[in-house]
Amino acid sequence: MYETYKHIPFHSANTFTEETLIQKSQHYFEHLNQRRSLRFFSEKSFPIEVLENIILAASTAPSGANKQPWTFCVVSSPELKRQIRIAAEEEEHISYDSRMSDEWKEDLRPLATDWQKPFLEVAPYLIIVFKRPYEIEVGGKKHQNYYVNESVGLACGFLLTAVHQLGLVALTHTPSPMDFLTKILNRPSNERPYLLIPVGYPAENATVPDIKRKSKNEVLVWYK
């Protein structure tokens, strides 16, 4: 028989009037609408406590059966960042040359991105998010985790929101395949690389593509 968690009272932080709630939701949208994926980072660092709090915020995300199937590895070592850049660019070069379809490359063309990833060395921190399909118990027995991709995806969303809230910038980088990250960081067999996220300050005179987000009518369907 499994034990159940003790249930404790829930205290809502929402004490707003409807008018205030509308205003705050509008401000929150406007704030997040300024978030951009950036490829031009400053070398300027910031206290590690900031990054630790960002990751703790990410780890508050919901997860299947509360298994929290994630590990956040932070790399600040110049040597490791160099190794990661070299390995990532090798995979990206192959992808742009032979793995990616013409349609895919045409969709990427307006963003002016290619296989070269200098930001992997410039950004002060790289967060490598690993998903954990299962846990390894004492004695080597495997214990399954549930809804792993969904859970880790939610945690990454929380992380990006926390980064933006602090006025920092990030990029969701997915060199594929990413097995080189497991080898370089010597991660255990129950972890799989999920996302590589450089975090830092924007470089002086940094630019971003002038993209447009979908409108409310394109992303929202009401059933009243």
C-alpha atoms as a PDB file:
ATOM      1  CA  MET A   1       0.000   0.000   0.000  1.00  0.00           C
ATOM      2  CA  TYR A   2       1.397   3.361  -1.042  1.00  0.00           C
ATOM      3  CA  GLU A   3       1.354   6.212   1.433  1.00  0.00           C
ATOM      4  CA  THR A   4      -0.499   9.366   0.394  1.00  0.00           C
ATOM      5  CA  TYR A   5       0.750  12.891   0.834  1.00  0.00           C
ATOM      6  CA  LYS A   6      -0.669  14.823   3.749  1.00  0.00           C
ATOM      7  CA  HIS A   7      -2.947  17.535   2.384  1.00  0.00           C
ATOM      8  CA  ILE A   8      -2.439  21.060   3.713  1.00  0.00           C
ATOM      9  CA  PRO A   9      -4.528  24.237   3.236  1.00  0.00           C
ATOM     10  CA  PHE A  10      -3.963  26.163   0.019  1.00  0.00           C
ATOM     11  CA  HIS A  11      -3.630  29.921   0.312  1.00  0.00           C
ATOM     12  CA  SER A  12      -4.244  31.903  -2.860  1.00  0.00           C
ATOM     13  CA  ALA A  13      -2.199  35.047  -3.450  1.00  0.00           C
ATOM     14  CA  ASN A  14      -4.992  36.538  -5.557  1.00  0.00           C
ATOM     15  CA  THR A  15      -6.667  39.378  -3.673  1.00  0.00           C
ATOM     16  CA  PHE A  16      -7.225  41.565  -6.751  1.00  0.00           C
ATOM     17  CA  THR A  17     -10.439  43.099  -7.972  1.00  0.00           C
ATOM     18  CA  GLU A  18     -11.595  42.111 -11.458  1.00  0.00           C
ATOM     19  CA  GLU A  19     -10.412  45.460 -12.845  1.00  0.00           C
ATOM     20  CA  THR A  20      -6.970  45.045 -11.287  1.00  0.00           C
ATOM     21  CA  LEU A  21      -6.803  41.473 -12.528  1.00  0.00           C
ATOM     22  CA  ILE A  22      -7.434  42.634 -16.096  1.00  0.00           C
ATOM     23  CA  GLN A  23      -4.776  45.335 -15.792  1.00  0.00           C
ATOM     24  CA  LYS A  24      -2.187  42.975 -14.326  1.00  0.00           C
ATOM     25  CA  SER A  25      -2.851  40.311 -16.950  1.00  0.00           C
ATOM     26  CA  GLN A  26      -2.379  42.945 -19.685  1.00  0.00           C
ATOM     27  CA  HIS A  27       0.877  44.134 -18.136  1.00  0.00           C
ATOM     28  CA  TYR A  28       2.086  40.542 -17.809  1.00  0.00           C
ATOM     29  CA  PHE A  29       1.371  39.867 -21.473  1.00  0.00           C
ATOM     30  CA  GLU A  30       3.108  43.082 -22.546  1.00  0.00           C
ATOM     31  CA  HIS A  31       6.135  42.181 -20.443  1.00  0.00           C
ATOM     32  CA  LEU A  32       6.434  38.664 -21.849  1.00  0.00           C
ATOM     33  CA  ASN A  33       5.798  39.944 -25.355  1.00  0.00           C
ATOM     34  CA  GLN A  34       9.159  41.723 -25.087  1.00  0.00           C
ATOM     35  CA  ARG A  35      10.969  38.414 -24.561  1.00  0.00           C
ATOM     36  CA  ARG A  36      13.182  37.449 -27.492  1.00  0.00           C
ATOM     37  CA  SER A  37      15.558  34.655 -28.313  1.00  0.00           C
ATOM     38  CA  LEU A  38      18.983  36.260 -28.617  1.00  0.00           C
ATOM     39  CA  ARG A  39      22.165  35.075 -30.314  1.00  0.00           C
ATOM     40  CA  PHE A  40      24.402  37.987 -29.335  1.00  0.00           C
ATOM     41  CA  PHE A  41      25.591  37.836 -25.734  1.00  0.00           C
ATOM     42  CA  SER A  42      27.834  39.970 -23.584  1.00  0.00           C
ATOM     43  CA  GLU A  43      30.686  38.284 -21.720  1.00  0.00           C
ATOM     44  CA  LYS A  44      29.505  40.099 -18.578  1.00  0.00           C
ATOM     45  CA  SER A  45      28.664  37.653 -15.805  1.00  0.00           C
ATOM     46  CA  PHE A  46      26.304  37.846 -12.840  1.00  0.00           C
ATOM     47  CA  PRO A  47      26.203  36.176  -9.405  1.00  0.00           C
ATOM     48  CA  ILE A  48      25.692  32.419  -9.393  1.00  0.00           C
ATOM     49  CA  GLU A  49      22.977  32.875  -6.777  1.00  0.00           C
ATOM     50  CA  VAL A  50      20.853  34.489  -9.492  1.00  0.00           C
ATOM     51  CA  LEU A  51      21.204  31.434 -11.708  1.00  0.00           C
ATOM     52  CA  GLU A  52      20.486  29.100  -8.807  1.00  0.00           C
ATOM     53  CA  ASN A  53      17.250  30.966  -8.083  1.00  0.00           C
ATOM     54  CA  ILE A  54      16.281  30.838 -11.765  1.00  0.00           C
ATOM     55  CA  ILE A  55      16.723  27.071 -11.751  1.00  0.00           C
ATOM     56  CA  LEU A  56      14.822  26.703  -8.486  1.00  0.00           C
ATOM     57  CA  ALA A  57      12.001  28.692 -10.082  1.00  0.00           C
ATOM     58  CA  ALA A  58      12.080  26.317 -13.067  1.00  0.00           C
ATOM     59  CA  SER A  59      11.897  23.337 -10.753  1.00  0.00           C
ATOM     60  CA  THR A  60       8.547  24.539  -9.367  1.00  0.00           C
ATOM     61  CA  ALA A  61       6.918  23.460 -12.654  1.00  0.00           C
ATOM     62  CA  PRO A  62       4.273  20.726 -12.521  1.00  0.00           C
ATOM     63  CA  SER A  63       5.393  17.226 -13.467  1.00  0.00           C
ATOM     64  CA  GLY A  64       3.823  13.824 -14.021  1.00  0.00           C
ATOM     65  CA  ALA A  65       3.189  12.153 -10.633  1.00  0.00           C
ATOM     66  CA  ASN A  66       5.430  14.857  -9.132  1.00  0.00           C
ATOM     67  CA  LYS A  67       8.501  12.969 -10.328  1.00  0.00           C
ATOM     68  CA  GLN A  68      10.333  16.174 -11.346  1.00  0.00           C
ATOM     69  CA  PRO A  69      12.240  14.307 -14.078  1.00  0.00           C
ATOM     70  CA  TRP A  70      14.878  16.923 -14.793  1.00  0.00           C
ATOM     71  CA  THR A  71      18.486  17.839 -14.119  1.00  0.00           C
ATOM     72  CA  PHE A  72      19.863  21.325 -14.809  1.00  0.00           C
ATOM     73  CA  CYS A  73      23.604  21.375 -15.493  1.00  0.00           C
ATOM     74  CA  VAL A  74      25.299  24.789 -15.478  1.00  0.00           C
ATOM     75  CA  VAL A  75      28.548  25.277 -17.378  1.00  0.00           C
ATOM     76  CA  SER A  76      30.738  28.330 -16.793  1.00  0.00           C
ATOM     77  CA  SER A  77      34.117  26.679 -17.470  1.00  0.00           C
ATOM     78  CA  PRO A  78      35.679  28.233 -20.603  1.00  0.00           C
ATOM     79  CA  GLU A  79      37.230  24.881 -21.507  1.00  0.00           C
ATOM     80  CA  LEU A  80      33.933  23.014 -21.289  1.00  0.00           C
ATOM     81  CA  LYS A  81      32.125  25.760 -23.191  1.00  0.00           C
ATOM     82  CA  ARG A  82      34.772  25.463 -25.905  1.00  0.00           C
ATOM     83  CA  GLN A  83      34.279  21.696 -26.108  1.00  0.00           C
ATOM     84  CA  ILE A  84      30.509  22.123 -26.309  1.00  0.00           C
ATOM     85  CA  ARG A  85      30.790  24.728 -29.068  1.00  0.00           C
ATOM     86  CA  ILE A  86      33.110  22.555 -31.167  1.00  0.00           C
ATOM     87  CA  ALA A  87      30.844  19.502 -30.826  1.00  0.00           C
ATOM     88  CA  ALA A  88      27.655  21.496 -31.433  1.00  0.00           C
ATOM     89  CA  GLU A  89      29.051  23.152 -34.552  1.00  0.00           C
ATOM     90  CA  GLU A  90      30.143  19.785 -35.939  1.00  0.00           C
ATOM     91  CA  GLU A  91      26.590  18.470 -35.636  1.00  0.00           C
ATOM     92  CA  GLU A  92      25.049  21.702 -36.908  1.00  0.00           C
ATOM     93  CA  HIS A  93      27.358  21.768 -39.933  1.00  0.00           C
ATOM     94  CA  ILE A  94      26.241  18.267 -40.888  1.00  0.00           C
ATOM     95  CA  SER A  95      22.605  19.216 -40.331  1.00  0.00           C
ATOM     96  CA  TYR A  96      22.771  22.291 -42.570  1.00  0.00           C
ATOM     97  CA  ASP A  97      24.655  20.332 -45.229  1.00  0.00           C
ATOM     98  CA  SER A  98      22.636  17.114 -45.359  1.00  0.00           C
ATOM     99  CA  ARG A  99      20.061  16.510 -42.614  1.00  0.00           C
ATOM    100  CA  MET A 100      17.781  19.517 -42.988  1.00  0.00           C
ATOM    101  CA  SER A 101      15.271  19.711 -45.819  1.00  0.00           C
ATOM    102  CA  ASP A 102      15.279  22.600 -48.289  1.00  0.00           C
ATOM    103  CA  GLU A 103      11.961  23.746 -46.828  1.00  0.00           C
ATOM    104  CA  TRP A 104      13.418  23.812 -43.316  1.00  0.00           C
ATOM    105  CA  LYS A 105      16.444  25.834 -44.424  1.00  0.00           C
ATOM    106  CA  GLU A 106      14.201  28.214 -46.344  1.00  0.00           C
ATOM    107  CA  ASP A 107      12.122  28.785 -43.177  1.00  0.00           C
ATOM    108  CA  LEU A 108      15.325  29.556 -41.257  1.00  0.00           C
ATOM    109  CA  ARG A 109      16.751  31.874 -43.921  1.00  0.00           C
ATOM    110  CA  PRO A 110      14.936  35.063 -42.737  1.00  0.00           C
ATOM    111  CA  LEU A 111      16.406  34.536 -39.263  1.00  0.00           C
ATOM    112  CA  ALA A 112      19.967  34.697 -40.641  1.00  0.00           C
ATOM    113  CA  THR A 113      21.188  31.761 -38.589  1.00  0.00           C
ATOM    114  CA  ASP A 114      23.676  29.095 -39.654  1.00  0.00           C
ATOM    115  CA  TRP A 115      25.840  26.312 -38.228  1.00  0.00           C
ATOM    116  CA  GLN A 116      28.241  28.683 -36.453  1.00  0.00           C
ATOM    117  CA  LYS A 117      27.423  29.126 -32.745  1.00  0.00           C
ATOM    118  CA  PRO A 118      29.916  31.562 -31.147  1.00  0.00           C
ATOM    119  CA  PHE A 119      27.423  32.416 -28.381  1.00  0.00           C
ATOM    120  CA  LEU A 120      28.173  29.045 -26.790  1.00  0.00           C
ATOM    121  CA  GLU A 121      31.533  30.459 -25.704  1.00  0.00           C
ATOM    122  CA  VAL A 122      30.560  34.098 -25.199  1.00  0.00           C
ATOM    123  CA  ALA A 123      27.574  33.688 -22.858  1.00  0.00           C
ATOM    124  CA  PRO A 124      28.747  33.476 -19.218  1.00  0.00           C
ATOM    125  CA  TYR A 125      26.571  30.451 -18.468  1.00  0.00           C
ATOM    126  CA  LEU A 126      25.200  27.517 -20.411  1.00  0.00           C
ATOM    127  CA  ILE A 127      22.288  25.649 -18.864  1.00  0.00           C
ATOM    128  CA  ILE A 128      22.001  22.135 -20.231  1.00  0.00           C
ATOM    129  CA  VAL A 129      18.635  20.631 -19.349  1.00  0.00           C
ATOM    130  CA  PHE A 130      18.508  16.850 -19.136  1.00  0.00           C
ATOM    131  CA  LYS A 131      15.328  14.800 -19.002  1.00  0.00           C
ATOM    132  CA  ARG A 132      15.187  11.651 -16.883  1.00  0.00           C
ATOM    133  CA  PRO A 133      12.985   8.906 -18.406  1.00  0.00           C
ATOM    134  CA  TYR A 134      13.572   6.787 -15.313  1.00  0.00           C
ATOM    135  CA  GLU A 135      15.296   6.865 -11.936  1.00  0.00           C
ATOM    136  CA  ILE A 136      17.926   4.374 -10.852  1.00  0.00           C
ATOM    137  CA  GLU A 137      17.193   3.129  -7.348  1.00  0.00           C
ATOM    138  CA  VAL A 138      19.633   1.614  -4.885  1.00  0.00           C
ATOM    139  CA  GLY A 139      20.612  -1.781  -6.261  1.00  0.00           C
ATOM    140  CA  GLY A 140      20.201  -0.666  -9.877  1.00  0.00           C
ATOM    141  CA  LYS A 141      16.440  -1.089 -10.228  1.00  0.00           C
ATOM    142  CA  LYS A 142      14.809   1.291 -12.686  1.00  0.00           C
ATOM    143  CA  HIS A 143      11.725   3.299 -11.675  1.00  0.00           C
ATOM    144  CA  GLN A 144       9.751   4.907 -14.497  1.00  0.00           C
ATOM    145  CA  ASN A 145       8.961   8.617 -14.734  1.00  0.00           C
ATOM    146  CA  TYR A 146       5.804   9.845 -16.450  1.00  0.00           C
ATOM    147  CA  TYR A 147       4.999  12.529 -19.042  1.00  0.00           C
ATOM    148  CA  VAL A 148       8.695  13.318 -19.113  1.00  0.00           C
ATOM    149  CA  ASN A 149       8.804  15.493 -22.247  1.00  0.00           C
ATOM    150  CA  GLU A 150       5.773  17.483 -21.155  1.00  0.00           C
ATOM    151  CA  SER A 151       7.137  17.969 -17.630  1.00  0.00           C
ATOM    152  CA  VAL A 152      10.601  19.065 -18.730  1.00  0.00           C
ATOM    153  CA  GLY A 153       9.099  21.338 -21.389  1.00  0.00           C
ATOM    154  CA  LEU A 154       7.031  23.090 -18.717  1.00  0.00           C
ATOM    155  CA  ALA A 155      10.113  23.516 -16.517  1.00  0.00           C
ATOM    156  CA  CYS A 156      12.019  25.076 -19.416  1.00  0.00           C
ATOM    157  CA  GLY A 157       9.152  27.504 -19.975  1.00  0.00           C
ATOM    158  CA  PHE A 158       9.300  28.518 -16.318  1.00  0.00           C
ATOM    159  CA  LEU A 159      13.070  28.964 -16.663  1.00  0.00           C
ATOM    160  CA  LEU A 160      12.818  31.233 -19.710  1.00  0.00           C
ATOM    161  CA  THR A 161      10.156  33.325 -17.999  1.00  0.00           C
ATOM    162  CA  ALA A 162      12.378  33.745 -14.928  1.00  0.00           C
ATOM    163  CA  VAL A 163      15.333  34.772 -17.111  1.00  0.00           C
ATOM    164  CA  HIS A 164      13.231  37.422 -18.854  1.00  0.00           C
ATOM    165  CA  GLN A 165      11.765  38.657 -15.565  1.00  0.00           C
ATOM    166  CA  LEU A 166      15.285  39.549 -14.425  1.00  0.00           C
ATOM    167  CA  GLY A 167      16.185  41.461 -17.574  1.00  0.00           C
ATOM    168  CA  LEU A 168      18.528  38.742 -18.803  1.00  0.00           C
ATOM    169  CA  VAL A 169      18.391  36.982 -22.174  1.00  0.00           C
ATOM    170  CA  ALA A 170      18.501  33.386 -23.325  1.00  0.00           C
ATOM    171  CA  LEU A 171      18.372  31.189 -26.401  1.00  0.00           C
ATOM    172  CA  THR A 172      16.792  27.757 -26.762  1.00  0.00           C
ATOM    173  CA  HIS A 173      19.440  25.873 -28.723  1.00  0.00           C
ATOM    174  CA  THR A 174      18.838  22.331 -29.961  1.00  0.00           C
ATOM    175  CA  PRO A 175      21.828  20.959 -31.877  1.00  0.00           C
ATOM    176  CA  SER A 176      20.741  17.535 -33.060  1.00  0.00           C
ATOM    177  CA  PRO A 177      21.738  14.914 -32.120  1.00  0.00           C
ATOM    178  CA  MET A 178      22.806  16.102 -28.657  1.00  0.00           C
ATOM    179  CA  ASP A 179      24.484  12.960 -27.322  1.00  0.00           C
ATOM    180  CA  PHE A 180      27.790  14.838 -27.179  1.00  0.00           C
ATOM    181  CA  LEU A 181      26.471  16.744 -24.151  1.00  0.00           C
ATOM    182  CA  THR A 182      26.022  13.503 -22.211  1.00  0.00           C
ATOM    183  CA  LYS A 183      29.624  12.545 -22.968  1.00  0.00           C
ATOM    184  CA  ILE A 184      31.245  15.936 -22.335  1.00  0.00           C
ATOM    185  CA  LEU A 185      29.422  16.404 -19.013  1.00  0.00           C
ATOM    186  CA  ASN A 186      29.718  12.716 -18.048  1.00  0.00           C
ATOM    187  CA  ARG A 187      26.021  12.376 -17.228  1.00  0.00           C
ATOM    188  CA  PRO A 188      24.476   9.093 -15.986  1.00  0.00           C
ATOM    189  CA  SER A 189      22.683   6.601 -18.227  1.00  0.00           C
ATOM    190  CA  ASN A 190      19.196   7.708 -17.132  1.00  0.00           C
ATOM    191  CA  GLU A 191      19.608  11.264 -18.435  1.00  0.00           C
ATOM    192  CA  ARG A 192      19.009  12.513 -21.974  1.00  0.00           C
ATOM    193  CA  PRO A 193      19.928  16.025 -23.207  1.00  0.00           C
ATOM    194  CA  TYR A 194      16.780  18.056 -23.813  1.00  0.00           C
ATOM    195  CA  LEU A 195      17.783  21.687 -24.319  1.00  0.00           C
ATOM    196  CA  LEU A 196      20.918  23.842 -24.342  1.00  0.00           C
ATOM    197  CA  ILE A 197      20.232  27.363 -23.049  1.00  0.00           C
ATOM    198  CA  PRO A 198      22.883  30.119 -23.042  1.00  0.00           C
ATOM    199  CA  VAL A 199      21.979  32.778 -20.450  1.00  0.00           C
ATOM    200  CA  GLY A 200      23.434  36.232 -19.891  1.00  0.00           C
ATOM    201  CA  TYR A 201      23.213  39.911 -20.715  1.00  0.00           C
ATOM    202  CA  PRO A 202      22.661  41.080 -24.306  1.00  0.00           C
ATOM    203  CA  ALA A 203      25.724  42.268 -26.176  1.00  0.00           C
ATOM    204  CA  GLU A 204      26.016  45.971 -26.817  1.00  0.00           C
ATOM    205  CA  ASN A 205      24.259  46.759 -30.102  1.00  0.00           C
ATOM    206  CA  ALA A 206      22.666  43.274 -30.126  1.00  0.00           C
ATOM    207  CA  THR A 207      19.968  42.788 -32.757  1.00  0.00           C
ATOM    208  CA  VAL A 208      17.029  40.436 -33.248  1.00  0.00           C
ATOM    209  CA  PRO A 209      14.924  39.678 -36.340  1.00  0.00           C
ATOM    210  CA  ASP A 210      11.854  41.897 -36.658  1.00  0.00           C
ATOM    211  CA  ILE A 211       9.386  39.023 -36.375  1.00  0.00           C
ATOM    212  CA  LYS A 212       5.680  39.195 -35.620  1.00  0.00           C
ATOM    213  CA  ARG A 213       3.765  36.927 -33.261  1.00  0.00           C
ATOM    214  CA  LYS A 214       0.417  35.421 -34.164  1.00  0.00           C
ATOM    215  CA  SER A 215      -2.623  37.491 -33.264  1.00  0.00           C
ATOM    216  CA  LYS A 216      -5.183  36.633 -30.611  1.00  0.00           C
ATOM    217  CA  ASN A 217      -7.602  35.372 -33.235  1.00  0.00           C
ATOM    218  CA  GLU A 218      -4.951  33.027 -34.612  1.00  0.00           C
ATOM    219  CA  VAL A 219      -4.083  31.380 -31.292  1.00  0.00           C
ATOM    220  CA  LEU A 220      -7.336  31.525 -29.304  1.00  0.00           C
ATOM    221  CA  VAL A 221     -10.555  29.584 -29.919  1.00  0.00           C
ATOM    222  CA  TRP A 222     -13.508  30.205 -27.579  1.00  0.00           C
ATOM    223  CA  TYR A 223     -16.218  27.628 -26.763  1.00  0.00           C
ATOM    224  CA  LYS A 224     -18.815  29.579 -24.802  1.00  0.00           C
END
